[in-house]
Amino acid sequence: MIGNSAYQKVSPLANPVNDSEAISATFKSAGFDVVELKRDLNVSEMRRALRDFANTVRDADVAIVYYAGHGIEIDGTNYLIPVEPCWSMTSMRSTRPFRWIGF
């Protein structure tokens, strides 16, 4: 569960942190073994969180990523936006920092 609200280069969002907390509580009460809530992640923190998640759920029967925050679609590919991006919109087309991949 990732809730990014405190964006530094664009308008902050009011709901993602609250939404991610509510969804996290829902999944815990539903009996999921591992529910980790991460808030307001920068680029390196998002990469680490997604990498750690992939390693944790490697043998899981069911794994869910919940993301609340800014996102963008470029040329048919969706991207999750960290609160402190290290790239511009121009460089994003060539670097593709957060390509959505299935786990």
Protein backbone atom coordinates (compact mmCIF):
# COMPACT_ATOMS: atom_id res chain seq x y z
CA MET A 1 0.00 0.00 0.00
CA ILE A 2 1.50 3.29 -1.11
CA GLY A 3 -0.10 6.65 -0.43
CA ASN A 4 1.67 9.65 -1.95
CA SER A 5 0.18 13.01 -0.97
CA ALA A 6 3.01 15.45 -0.16
CA TYR A 7 4.19 16.27 -3.69
CA GLN A 8 6.93 18.87 -3.91
CA LYS A 9 6.83 19.89 -7.60
CA VAL A 10 3.05 19.75 -8.14
CA SER A 11 -0.01 20.36 -6.00
CA PRO A 12 -0.23 18.08 -2.95
CA LEU A 13 -3.15 15.67 -2.84
CA ALA A 14 -5.49 15.49 0.15
CA ASN A 15 -6.76 11.91 -0.10
CA PRO A 16 -4.02 9.37 -0.94
CA VAL A 17 -2.56 9.03 2.56
CA ASN A 18 -6.03 8.63 4.08
CA ASP A 19 -7.17 6.27 1.32
CA SER A 20 -4.10 4.06 1.64
CA GLU A 21 -4.57 3.88 5.42
CA ALA A 22 -8.21 2.80 4.98
CA ILE A 23 -7.34 0.18 2.35
CA SER A 24 -4.46 -1.10 4.50
CA ALA A 25 -6.82 -1.58 7.47
CA THR A 26 -9.32 -3.34 5.20
CA PHE A 27 -6.73 -5.81 3.92
CA LYS A 28 -5.46 -6.49 7.45
CA SER A 29 -8.98 -7.21 8.66
CA ALA A 30 -9.53 -9.47 5.64
CA GLY A 31 -6.64 -11.64 6.85
CA PHE A 32 -3.83 -10.86 4.42
CA ASP A 33 -0.55 -12.11 5.92
CA VAL A 34 1.58 -9.10 5.03
CA VAL A 35 0.22 -5.59 4.66
CA GLU A 36 2.78 -2.81 4.54
CA LEU A 37 1.77 0.83 4.32
CA LYS A 38 4.26 3.28 2.83
CA ARG A 39 3.63 7.01 2.64
CA ASP A 40 5.05 9.90 0.65
CA LEU A 41 7.85 8.00 -1.08
CA ASN A 42 10.57 9.57 -3.19
CA VAL A 43 12.12 7.84 -6.22
CA SER A 44 14.57 5.59 -4.39
CA GLU A 45 12.02 4.71 -1.69
CA MET A 46 9.43 3.72 -4.32
CA ARG A 47 11.94 1.55 -6.17
CA ARG A 48 12.98 -0.12 -2.93
CA ALA A 49 9.36 -0.66 -1.80
CA LEU A 50 8.35 -2.25 -5.12
CA ARG A 51 11.50 -4.41 -5.24
CA ASP A 52 10.98 -5.56 -1.63
CA PHE A 53 7.33 -6.29 -2.37
CA ALA A 54 8.22 -8.40 -5.40
CA ASN A 55 10.68 -10.40 -3.28
CA THR A 56 8.19 -10.84 -0.43
CA VAL A 57 5.35 -12.11 -2.62
CA ARG A 58 7.42 -14.31 -4.89
CA ASP A 59 5.65 -17.49 -3.70
CA ALA A 60 2.31 -15.93 -2.72
CA ASP A 61 -1.00 -17.16 -4.08
CA VAL A 62 -2.40 -13.62 -4.15
CA ALA A 63 -0.50 -10.32 -4.15
CA ILE A 64 -1.96 -6.85 -4.48
CA VAL A 65 -0.32 -3.46 -4.98
CA TYR A 66 -2.48 -0.52 -4.00
CA TYR A 67 -1.28 2.91 -5.07
CA ALA A 68 -2.91 6.26 -4.35
CA GLY A 69 -1.24 9.35 -5.73
CA HIS A 70 -0.34 11.06 -8.97
CA GLY A 71 0.17 8.91 -12.02
CA ILE A 72 0.67 9.56 -15.69
CA GLU A 73 0.23 7.69 -18.96
CA ILE A 74 2.70 8.24 -21.79
CA ASP A 75 2.45 6.38 -25.07
CA GLY A 76 0.19 3.72 -23.54
CA THR A 77 2.43 3.05 -20.52
CA ASN A 78 1.36 3.96 -16.98
CA TYR A 79 3.76 5.49 -14.45
CA LEU A 80 3.54 5.98 -10.69
CA ILE A 81 4.81 9.40 -9.62
CA PRO A 82 6.96 9.73 -6.48
CA VAL A 83 6.56 12.80 -4.26
CA GLU A 84 10.01 14.08 -5.21
CA PRO A 85 10.68 13.10 -8.82
CA CYS A 86 14.25 13.41 -10.07
CA TRP A 87 13.33 13.95 -13.73
CA SER A 88 11.49 16.35 -15.96
CA MET A 89 8.65 15.49 -18.31
CA THR A 90 11.09 15.75 -21.23
CA SER A 91 13.57 13.27 -19.74
CA MET A 92 10.79 10.91 -18.69
CA ARG A 93 10.19 9.83 -22.27
CA SER A 94 13.71 8.43 -22.47
CA THR A 95 14.36 7.22 -18.91
CA ARG A 96 10.98 5.69 -17.99
CA PRO A 97 11.58 5.74 -14.18
CA PHE A 98 8.52 3.75 -13.06
CA ARG A 99 7.17 1.37 -15.62
CA TRP A 100 4.21 -0.57 -14.29
CA ILE A 101 5.03 -4.26 -14.28
CA GLY A 102 2.96 -7.21 -13.19
CA PHE A 103 4.06 -9.23 -10.19
